[in-house]
Amino acid sequence: MKIASTSAYGENRGRFPLEELRKFDGKWVAFSADGQRVVASAPTITELANQVRTAKSNLHEVVLERIELDTDEIYLGGAELL
């Protein structure tokens, strides 16, 4: 199991261009544990979890985040799915 490094994740996730993130506005996104790539995205966290499992990725190896570009709130989640 990979453990997300908070500093590495934050640094890499912060490099995502705004234009790239616009594709995911209003959706849940599973980022790789290092924050370098998007593994999957979906409108609901349940659909996202199913996509991650279908892609044969482990929920322990991704960071789930809801992308809301028009707000200052950050939605992190997924503990209830484990």
PDB file of N, CA and C in Angstrom:
ATOM      1  N   MET A   1       0.835  -1.171   0.000  1.00  0.00           N
ATOM      2  CA  MET A   1       0.000   0.000   0.000  1.00  0.00           C
ATOM      3  C   MET A   1       0.882   1.236   0.000  1.00  0.00           C
ATOM      4  N   LYS A   2       0.588   2.197  -0.887  1.00  0.00           N
ATOM      5  CA  LYS A   2       1.297   3.463  -0.910  1.00  0.00           C
ATOM      6  C   LYS A   2       0.635   4.406   0.085  1.00  0.00           C
ATOM      7  N   ILE A   3       1.439   5.153   0.774  1.00  0.00           N
ATOM      8  CA  ILE A   3       0.927   6.166   1.682  1.00  0.00           C
ATOM      9  C   ILE A   3       1.191   7.524   1.038  1.00  0.00           C
ATOM     10  N   ALA A   4       0.148   8.333   0.953  1.00  0.00           N
ATOM     11  CA  ALA A   4       0.304   9.650   0.345  1.00  0.00           C
ATOM     12  C   ALA A   4       1.174  10.526   1.228  1.00  0.00           C
ATOM     13  N   SER A   5       2.197  11.104   0.647  1.00  0.00           N
ATOM     14  CA  SER A   5       3.034  12.071   1.347  1.00  0.00           C
ATOM     15  C   SER A   5       2.361  13.431   1.204  1.00  0.00           C
ATOM     16  N   THR A   6       1.992  14.003   2.314  1.00  0.00           N
ATOM     17  CA  THR A   6       1.258  15.258   2.274  1.00  0.00           C
ATOM     18  C   THR A   6       2.018  16.341   1.524  1.00  0.00           C
ATOM     19  N   SER A   7       3.308  16.459   1.771  1.00  0.00           N
ATOM     20  CA  SER A   7       4.072  17.509   1.107  1.00  0.00           C
ATOM     21  C   SER A   7       4.225  17.234  -0.385  1.00  0.00           C
ATOM     22  N   ALA A   8       4.537  15.996  -0.756  1.00  0.00           N
ATOM     23  CA  ALA A   8       4.678  15.652  -2.178  1.00  0.00           C
ATOM     24  C   ALA A   8       3.343  15.790  -2.895  1.00  0.00           C
ATOM     25  N   TYR A   9       2.277  15.300  -2.265  1.00  0.00           N
ATOM     26  CA  TYR A   9       0.954  15.408  -2.878  1.00  0.00           C
ATOM     27  C   TYR A   9       0.596  16.876  -3.094  1.00  0.00           C
ATOM     28  N   GLY A  10       0.738  17.682  -2.067  1.00  0.00           N
ATOM     29  CA  GLY A  10       0.384  19.094  -2.161  1.00  0.00           C
ATOM     30  C   GLY A  10       1.186  19.831  -3.221  1.00  0.00           C
ATOM     31  N   GLU A  11       2.464  19.537  -3.271  1.00  0.00           N
ATOM     32  CA  GLU A  11       3.329  20.189  -4.254  1.00  0.00           C
ATOM     33  C   GLU A  11       2.938  19.788  -5.674  1.00  0.00           C
ATOM     34  N   ASN A  12       2.789  18.492  -5.914  1.00  0.00           N
ATOM     35  CA  ASN A  12       2.452  18.013  -7.259  1.00  0.00           C
ATOM     36  C   ASN A  12       1.026  18.393  -7.655  1.00  0.00           C
ATOM     37  N   ARG A  13       0.095  18.267  -6.728  1.00  0.00           N
ATOM     38  CA  ARG A  13      -1.304  18.601  -7.007  1.00  0.00           C
ATOM     39  C   ARG A  13      -1.428  20.080  -7.331  1.00  0.00           C
ATOM     40  N   GLY A  14      -0.638  20.896  -6.659  1.00  0.00           N
ATOM     41  CA  GLY A  14      -0.648  22.330  -6.909  1.00  0.00           C
ATOM     42  C   GLY A  14      -0.162  22.725  -8.288  1.00  0.00           C
ATOM     43  N   ARG A  15       0.508  21.825  -8.961  1.00  0.00           N
ATOM     44  CA  ARG A  15       1.019  22.094 -10.316  1.00  0.00           C
ATOM     45  C   ARG A  15      -0.023  21.868 -11.412  1.00  0.00           C
ATOM     46  N   PHE A  16      -1.168  21.283 -11.064  1.00  0.00           N
ATOM     47  CA  PHE A  16      -2.192  21.047 -12.086  1.00  0.00           C
ATOM     48  C   PHE A  16      -2.701  22.386 -12.607  1.00  0.00           C
ATOM     49  N   PRO A  17      -2.649  22.580 -13.920  1.00  0.00           N
ATOM     50  CA  PRO A  17      -3.136  23.835 -14.492  1.00  0.00           C
ATOM     51  C   PRO A  17      -4.649  23.978 -14.270  1.00  0.00           C
ATOM     52  N   LEU A  18      -5.072  25.217 -14.043  1.00  0.00           N
ATOM     53  CA  LEU A  18      -6.488  25.493 -13.841  1.00  0.00           C
ATOM     54  C   LEU A  18      -7.324  24.990 -15.013  1.00  0.00           C
ATOM     55  N   GLU A  19      -6.829  25.156 -16.218  1.00  0.00           N
ATOM     56  CA  GLU A  19      -7.579  24.703 -17.394  1.00  0.00           C
ATOM     57  C   GLU A  19      -7.798  23.189 -17.374  1.00  0.00           C
ATOM     58  N   GLU A  20      -6.833  22.444 -16.877  1.00  0.00           N
ATOM     59  CA  GLU A  20      -6.978  20.988 -16.755  1.00  0.00           C
ATOM     60  C   GLU A  20      -8.032  20.655 -15.704  1.00  0.00           C
ATOM     61  N   LEU A  21      -8.007  21.374 -14.592  1.00  0.00           N
ATOM     62  CA  LEU A  21      -8.969  21.112 -13.514  1.00  0.00           C
ATOM     63  C   LEU A  21     -10.396  21.491 -13.906  1.00  0.00           C
ATOM     64  N   ARG A  22     -10.556  22.429 -14.819  1.00  0.00           N
ATOM     65  CA  ARG A  22     -11.905  22.834 -15.254  1.00  0.00           C
ATOM     66  C   ARG A  22     -12.704  21.643 -15.789  1.00  0.00           C
ATOM     67  N   LYS A  23     -12.029  20.667 -16.373  1.00  0.00           N
ATOM     68  CA  LYS A  23     -12.719  19.467 -16.890  1.00  0.00           C
ATOM     69  C   LYS A  23     -13.419  18.705 -15.769  1.00  0.00           C
ATOM     70  N   PHE A  24     -12.952  18.899 -14.542  1.00  0.00           N
ATOM     71  CA  PHE A  24     -13.458  18.135 -13.404  1.00  0.00           C
ATOM     72  C   PHE A  24     -14.311  18.975 -12.453  1.00  0.00           C
ATOM     73  N   ASP A  25     -14.620  20.197 -12.827  1.00  0.00           N
ATOM     74  CA  ASP A  25     -15.383  21.079 -11.951  1.00  0.00           C
ATOM     75  C   ASP A  25     -16.722  20.438 -11.566  1.00  0.00           C
ATOM     76  N   GLY A  26     -16.969  20.381 -10.265  1.00  0.00           N
ATOM     77  CA  GLY A  26     -18.208  19.784  -9.761  1.00  0.00           C
ATOM     78  C   GLY A  26     -18.159  18.272  -9.639  1.00  0.00           C
ATOM     79  N   LYS A  27     -17.003  17.667  -9.872  1.00  0.00           N
ATOM     80  CA  LYS A  27     -16.871  16.211  -9.815  1.00  0.00           C
ATOM     81  C   LYS A  27     -15.885  15.794  -8.728  1.00  0.00           C
ATOM     82  N   TRP A  28     -15.981  14.539  -8.361  1.00  0.00           N
ATOM     83  CA  TRP A  28     -14.999  13.899  -7.484  1.00  0.00           C
ATOM     84  C   TRP A  28     -13.877  13.380  -8.353  1.00  0.00           C
ATOM     85  N   VAL A  29     -12.650  13.552  -7.887  1.00  0.00           N
ATOM     86  CA  VAL A  29     -11.474  13.125  -8.640  1.00  0.00           C
ATOM     87  C   VAL A  29     -10.588  12.275  -7.740  1.00  0.00           C
ATOM     88  N   ALA A  30     -10.057  11.192  -8.293  1.00  0.00           N
ATOM     89  CA  ALA A  30      -9.068  10.369  -7.599  1.00  0.00           C
ATOM     90  C   ALA A  30      -7.714  10.709  -8.199  1.00  0.00           C
ATOM     91  N   PHE A  31      -6.857  11.325  -7.377  1.00  0.00           N
ATOM     92  CA  PHE A  31      -5.500  11.633  -7.788  1.00  0.00           C
ATOM     93  C   PHE A  31      -4.575  10.521  -7.308  1.00  0.00           C
ATOM     94  N   SER A  32      -3.502  10.277  -8.039  1.00  0.00           N
ATOM     95  CA  SER A  32      -2.495   9.330  -7.573  1.00  0.00           C
ATOM     96  C   SER A  32      -1.962   9.813  -6.229  1.00  0.00           C
ATOM     97  N   ALA A  33      -1.441   8.899  -5.432  1.00  0.00           N
ATOM     98  CA  ALA A  33      -0.968   9.230  -4.086  1.00  0.00           C
ATOM     99  C   ALA A  33       0.102  10.316  -4.085  1.00  0.00           C
ATOM    100  N   ASP A  34       0.843  10.427  -5.184  1.00  0.00           N
ATOM    101  CA  ASP A  34       1.873  11.466  -5.261  1.00  0.00           C
ATOM    102  C   ASP A  34       1.347  12.763  -5.865  1.00  0.00           C
ATOM    103  N   GLY A  35       0.061  12.779  -6.268  1.00  0.00           N
ATOM    104  CA  GLY A  35      -0.554  13.989  -6.794  1.00  0.00           C
ATOM    105  C   GLY A  35      -0.164  14.357  -8.209  1.00  0.00           C
ATOM    106  N   GLN A  36       0.459  13.427  -8.935  1.00  0.00           N
ATOM    107  CA  GLN A  36       0.945  13.744 -10.273  1.00  0.00           C
ATOM    108  C   GLN A  36      -0.043  13.461 -11.392  1.00  0.00           C
ATOM    109  N   ARG A  37      -1.052  12.632 -11.135  1.00  0.00           N
ATOM    110  CA  ARG A  37      -1.982  12.308 -12.226  1.00  0.00           C
ATOM    111  C   ARG A  37      -3.380  12.029 -11.691  1.00  0.00           C
ATOM    112  N   VAL A  38      -4.350  12.181 -12.588  1.00  0.00           N
ATOM    113  CA  VAL A  38      -5.736  11.851 -12.277  1.00  0.00           C
ATOM    114  C   VAL A  38      -5.960  10.392 -12.631  1.00  0.00           C
ATOM    115  N   VAL A  39      -6.446   9.614 -11.676  1.00  0.00           N
ATOM    116  CA  VAL A  39      -6.718   8.192 -11.891  1.00  0.00           C
ATOM    117  C   VAL A  39      -8.126   8.001 -12.448  1.00  0.00           C
ATOM    118  N   ALA A  40      -9.093   8.773 -11.922  1.00  0.00           N
ATOM    119  CA  ALA A  40     -10.488   8.660 -12.355  1.00  0.00           C
ATOM    120  C   ALA A  40     -11.250   9.887 -11.880  1.00  0.00           C
ATOM    121  N   SER A  41     -12.444  10.099 -12.453  1.00  0.00           N
ATOM    122  CA  SER A  41     -13.332  11.169 -11.987  1.00  0.00           C
ATOM    123  C   SER A  41     -14.771  10.737 -12.210  1.00  0.00           C
ATOM    124  N   ALA A  42     -15.664  11.284 -11.382  1.00  0.00           N
ATOM    125  CA  ALA A  42     -17.087  10.936 -11.471  1.00  0.00           C
ATOM    126  C   ALA A  42     -17.907  11.979 -10.717  1.00  0.00           C
ATOM    127  N   PRO A  43     -19.204  12.057 -11.027  1.00  0.00           N
ATOM    128  CA  PRO A  43     -20.064  13.031 -10.338  1.00  0.00           C
ATOM    129  C   PRO A  43     -20.286  12.719  -8.852  1.00  0.00           C
ATOM    130  N   THR A  44     -20.234  11.452  -8.467  1.00  0.00           N
ATOM    131  CA  THR A  44     -20.443  11.092  -7.063  1.00  0.00           C
ATOM    132  C   THR A  44     -19.247  10.296  -6.549  1.00  0.00           C
ATOM    133  N   ILE A  45     -19.082  10.327  -5.245  1.00  0.00           N
ATOM    134  CA  ILE A  45     -17.962   9.612  -4.642  1.00  0.00           C
ATOM    135  C   ILE A  45     -18.128   8.098  -4.795  1.00  0.00           C
ATOM    136  N   THR A  46     -19.373   7.626  -4.797  1.00  0.00           N
ATOM    137  CA  THR A  46     -19.623   6.194  -4.977  1.00  0.00           C
ATOM    138  C   THR A  46     -19.226   5.750  -6.379  1.00  0.00           C
ATOM    139  N   GLU A  47     -19.613   6.528  -7.391  1.00  0.00           N
ATOM    140  CA  GLU A  47     -19.225   6.207  -8.765  1.00  0.00           C
ATOM    141  C   GLU A  47     -17.703   6.258  -8.922  1.00  0.00           C
ATOM    142  N   LEU A  48     -17.089   7.225  -8.263  1.00  0.00           N
ATOM    143  CA  LEU A  48     -15.635   7.343  -8.339  1.00  0.00           C
ATOM    144  C   LEU A  48     -14.957   6.117  -7.742  1.00  0.00           C
ATOM    145  N   ALA A  49     -15.430   5.675  -6.590  1.00  0.00           N
ATOM    146  CA  ALA A  49     -14.861   4.484  -5.954  1.00  0.00           C
ATOM    147  C   ALA A  49     -15.002   3.274  -6.869  1.00  0.00           C
ATOM    148  N   ASN A  50     -16.138   3.153  -7.524  1.00  0.00           N
ATOM    149  CA  ASN A  50     -16.343   2.032  -8.457  1.00  0.00           C
ATOM    150  C   ASN A  50     -15.382   2.117  -9.636  1.00  0.00           C
ATOM    151  N   GLN A  51     -15.160   3.319 -10.152  1.00  0.00           N
ATOM    152  CA  GLN A  51     -14.220   3.482 -11.265  1.00  0.00           C
ATOM    153  C   GLN A  51     -12.796   3.135 -10.848  1.00  0.00           C
ATOM    154  N   VAL A  52     -12.421   3.550  -9.648  1.00  0.00           N
ATOM    155  CA  VAL A  52     -11.072   3.237  -9.152  1.00  0.00           C
ATOM    156  C   VAL A  52     -10.907   1.731  -9.039  1.00  0.00           C
ATOM    157  N   ARG A  53     -11.905   1.067  -8.474  1.00  0.00           N
ATOM    158  CA  ARG A  53     -11.842  -0.402  -8.347  1.00  0.00           C
ATOM    159  C   ARG A  53     -11.825  -1.076  -9.718  1.00  0.00           C
ATOM    160  N   THR A  54     -12.633  -0.579 -10.659  1.00  0.00           N
ATOM    161  CA  THR A  54     -12.679  -1.152 -12.001  1.00  0.00           C
ATOM    162  C   THR A  54     -11.334  -1.009 -12.702  1.00  0.00           C
ATOM    163  N   ALA A  55     -10.657   0.098 -12.435  1.00  0.00           N
ATOM    164  CA  ALA A  55      -9.331   0.327 -13.023  1.00  0.00           C
ATOM    165  C   ALA A  55      -8.257  -0.486 -12.308  1.00  0.00           C
ATOM    166  N   LYS A  56      -8.703  -1.323 -11.363  1.00  0.00           N
ATOM    167  CA  LYS A  56      -7.812  -2.183 -10.585  1.00  0.00           C
ATOM    168  C   LYS A  56      -6.830  -1.378  -9.740  1.00  0.00           C
ATOM    169  N   SER A  57      -7.250  -0.166  -9.380  1.00  0.00           N
ATOM    170  CA  SER A  57      -6.470   0.638  -8.451  1.00  0.00           C
ATOM    171  C   SER A  57      -7.040   0.409  -7.062  1.00  0.00           C
ATOM    172  N   ASN A  58      -6.229   0.634  -6.077  1.00  0.00           N
ATOM    173  CA  ASN A  58      -6.632   0.445  -4.697  1.00  0.00           C
ATOM    174  C   ASN A  58      -7.031   1.791  -4.113  1.00  0.00           C
ATOM    175  N   LEU A  59      -8.159   1.843  -3.404  1.00  0.00           N
ATOM    176  CA  LEU A  59      -8.589   3.099  -2.789  1.00  0.00           C
ATOM    177  C   LEU A  59      -7.567   3.633  -1.787  1.00  0.00           C
ATOM    178  N   HIS A  60      -6.704   2.768  -1.289  1.00  0.00           N
ATOM    179  CA  HIS A  60      -5.650   3.196  -0.365  1.00  0.00           C
ATOM    180  C   HIS A  60      -4.512   3.899  -1.098  1.00  0.00           C
ATOM    181  N   GLU A  61      -4.499   3.835  -2.421  1.00  0.00           N
ATOM    182  CA  GLU A  61      -3.399   4.394  -3.196  1.00  0.00           C
ATOM    183  C   GLU A  61      -3.780   5.655  -3.959  1.00  0.00           C
ATOM    184  N   VAL A  62      -4.935   6.214  -3.646  1.00  0.00           N
ATOM    185  CA  VAL A  62      -5.369   7.442  -4.297  1.00  0.00           C
ATOM    186  C   VAL A  62      -5.843   8.438  -3.242  1.00  0.00           C
ATOM    187  N   VAL A  63      -5.888   9.691  -3.644  1.00  0.00           N
ATOM    188  CA  VAL A  63      -6.431  10.750  -2.797  1.00  0.00           C
ATOM    189  C   VAL A  63      -7.688  11.254  -3.491  1.00  0.00           C
ATOM    190  N   LEU A  64      -8.809  11.200  -2.779  1.00  0.00           N
ATOM    191  CA  LEU A  64     -10.083  11.626  -3.345  1.00  0.00           C
ATOM    192  C   LEU A  64     -10.330  13.084  -2.994  1.00  0.00           C
ATOM    193  N   GLU A  65     -10.730  13.839  -4.004  1.00  0.00           N
ATOM    194  CA  GLU A  65     -10.962  15.270  -3.809  1.00  0.00           C
ATOM    195  C   GLU A  65     -12.111  15.715  -4.702  1.00  0.00           C
ATOM    196  N   ARG A  66     -12.981  16.536  -4.175  1.00  0.00           N
ATOM    197  CA  ARG A  66     -14.040  17.120  -4.996  1.00  0.00           C
ATOM    198  C   ARG A  66     -13.525  18.455  -5.522  1.00  0.00           C
ATOM    199  N   ILE A  67     -13.627  18.657  -6.817  1.00  0.00           N
ATOM    200  CA  ILE A  67     -13.166  19.888  -7.444  1.00  0.00           C
ATOM    201  C   ILE A  67     -14.340  20.865  -7.533  1.00  0.00           C
ATOM    202  N   GLU A  68     -14.203  21.974  -6.868  1.00  0.00           N
ATOM    203  CA  GLU A  68     -15.190  23.059  -6.894  1.00  0.00           C
ATOM    204  C   GLU A  68     -14.411  24.339  -7.144  1.00  0.00           C
ATOM    205  N   LEU A  69     -14.416  24.800  -8.371  1.00  0.00           N
ATOM    206  CA  LEU A  69     -13.584  25.941  -8.732  1.00  0.00           C
ATOM    207  C   LEU A  69     -14.158  27.284  -8.291  1.00  0.00           C
ATOM    208  N   ASP A  70     -15.458  27.365  -8.059  1.00  0.00           N
ATOM    209  CA  ASP A  70     -16.075  28.631  -7.694  1.00  0.00           C
ATOM    210  C   ASP A  70     -16.281  28.783  -6.196  1.00  0.00           C
ATOM    211  N   THR A  71     -15.497  28.059  -5.402  1.00  0.00           N
ATOM    212  CA  THR A  71     -15.602  28.144  -3.953  1.00  0.00           C
ATOM    213  C   THR A  71     -14.219  28.004  -3.339  1.00  0.00           C
ATOM    214  N   ASP A  72     -14.082  28.441  -2.115  1.00  0.00           N
ATOM    215  CA  ASP A  72     -12.814  28.299  -1.408  1.00  0.00           C
ATOM    216  C   ASP A  72     -12.772  27.031  -0.573  1.00  0.00           C
ATOM    217  N   GLU A  73     -13.870  26.269  -0.571  1.00  0.00           N
ATOM    218  CA  GLU A  73     -13.930  25.056   0.236  1.00  0.00           C
ATOM    219  C   GLU A  73     -13.175  23.921  -0.441  1.00  0.00           C
ATOM    220  N   ILE A  74     -12.612  23.026   0.385  1.00  0.00           N
ATOM    221  CA  ILE A  74     -11.912  21.849  -0.109  1.00  0.00           C
ATOM    222  C   ILE A  74     -12.645  20.628   0.408  1.00  0.00           C
ATOM    223  N   TYR A  75     -12.971  19.716  -0.485  1.00  0.00           N
ATOM    224  CA  TYR A  75     -13.654  18.487  -0.109  1.00  0.00           C
ATOM    225  C   TYR A  75     -12.709  17.315  -0.285  1.00  0.00           C
ATOM    226  N   LEU A  76     -12.254  16.738   0.790  1.00  0.00           N
ATOM    227  CA  LEU A  76     -11.448  15.523   0.751  1.00  0.00           C
ATOM    228  C   LEU A  76     -12.301  14.447   1.369  1.00  0.00           C
ATOM    229  N   GLY A  77     -12.214  13.239   0.885  1.00  0.00           N
ATOM    230  CA  GLY A  77     -13.063  12.206   1.477  1.00  0.00           C
ATOM    231  C   GLY A  77     -12.720  10.843   0.999  1.00  0.00           C
ATOM    232  N   GLY A  78     -13.504   9.910   1.454  1.00  0.00           N
ATOM    233  CA  GLY A  78     -13.342   8.535   1.033  1.00  0.00           C
ATOM    234  C   GLY A  78     -13.204   7.567   2.175  1.00  0.00           C
ATOM    235  N   ALA A  79     -12.983   8.031   3.394  1.00  0.00           N
ATOM    236  CA  ALA A  79     -12.789   7.112   4.515  1.00  0.00           C
ATOM    237  C   ALA A  79     -14.009   6.223   4.701  1.00  0.00           C
ATOM    238  N   GLU A  80     -15.185   6.747   4.407  1.00  0.00           N
ATOM    239  CA  GLU A  80     -16.391   5.947   4.596  1.00  0.00           C
ATOM    240  C   GLU A  80     -16.519   4.806   3.586  1.00  0.00           C
ATOM    241  N   LEU A  81     -15.679   4.808   2.548  1.00  0.00           N
ATOM    242  CA  LEU A  81     -15.749   3.768   1.519  1.00  0.00           C
ATOM    243  C   LEU A  81     -14.868   2.559   1.826  1.00  0.00           C
ATOM    244  N   LEU A  82     -13.990   2.667   2.800  1.00  0.00           N
ATOM    245  CA  LEU A  82     -13.031   1.608   3.077  1.00  0.00           C
ATOM    246  C   LEU A  82     -13.606   0.510   3.923  1.00  0.00           C
TER     247      LEU A  82
END
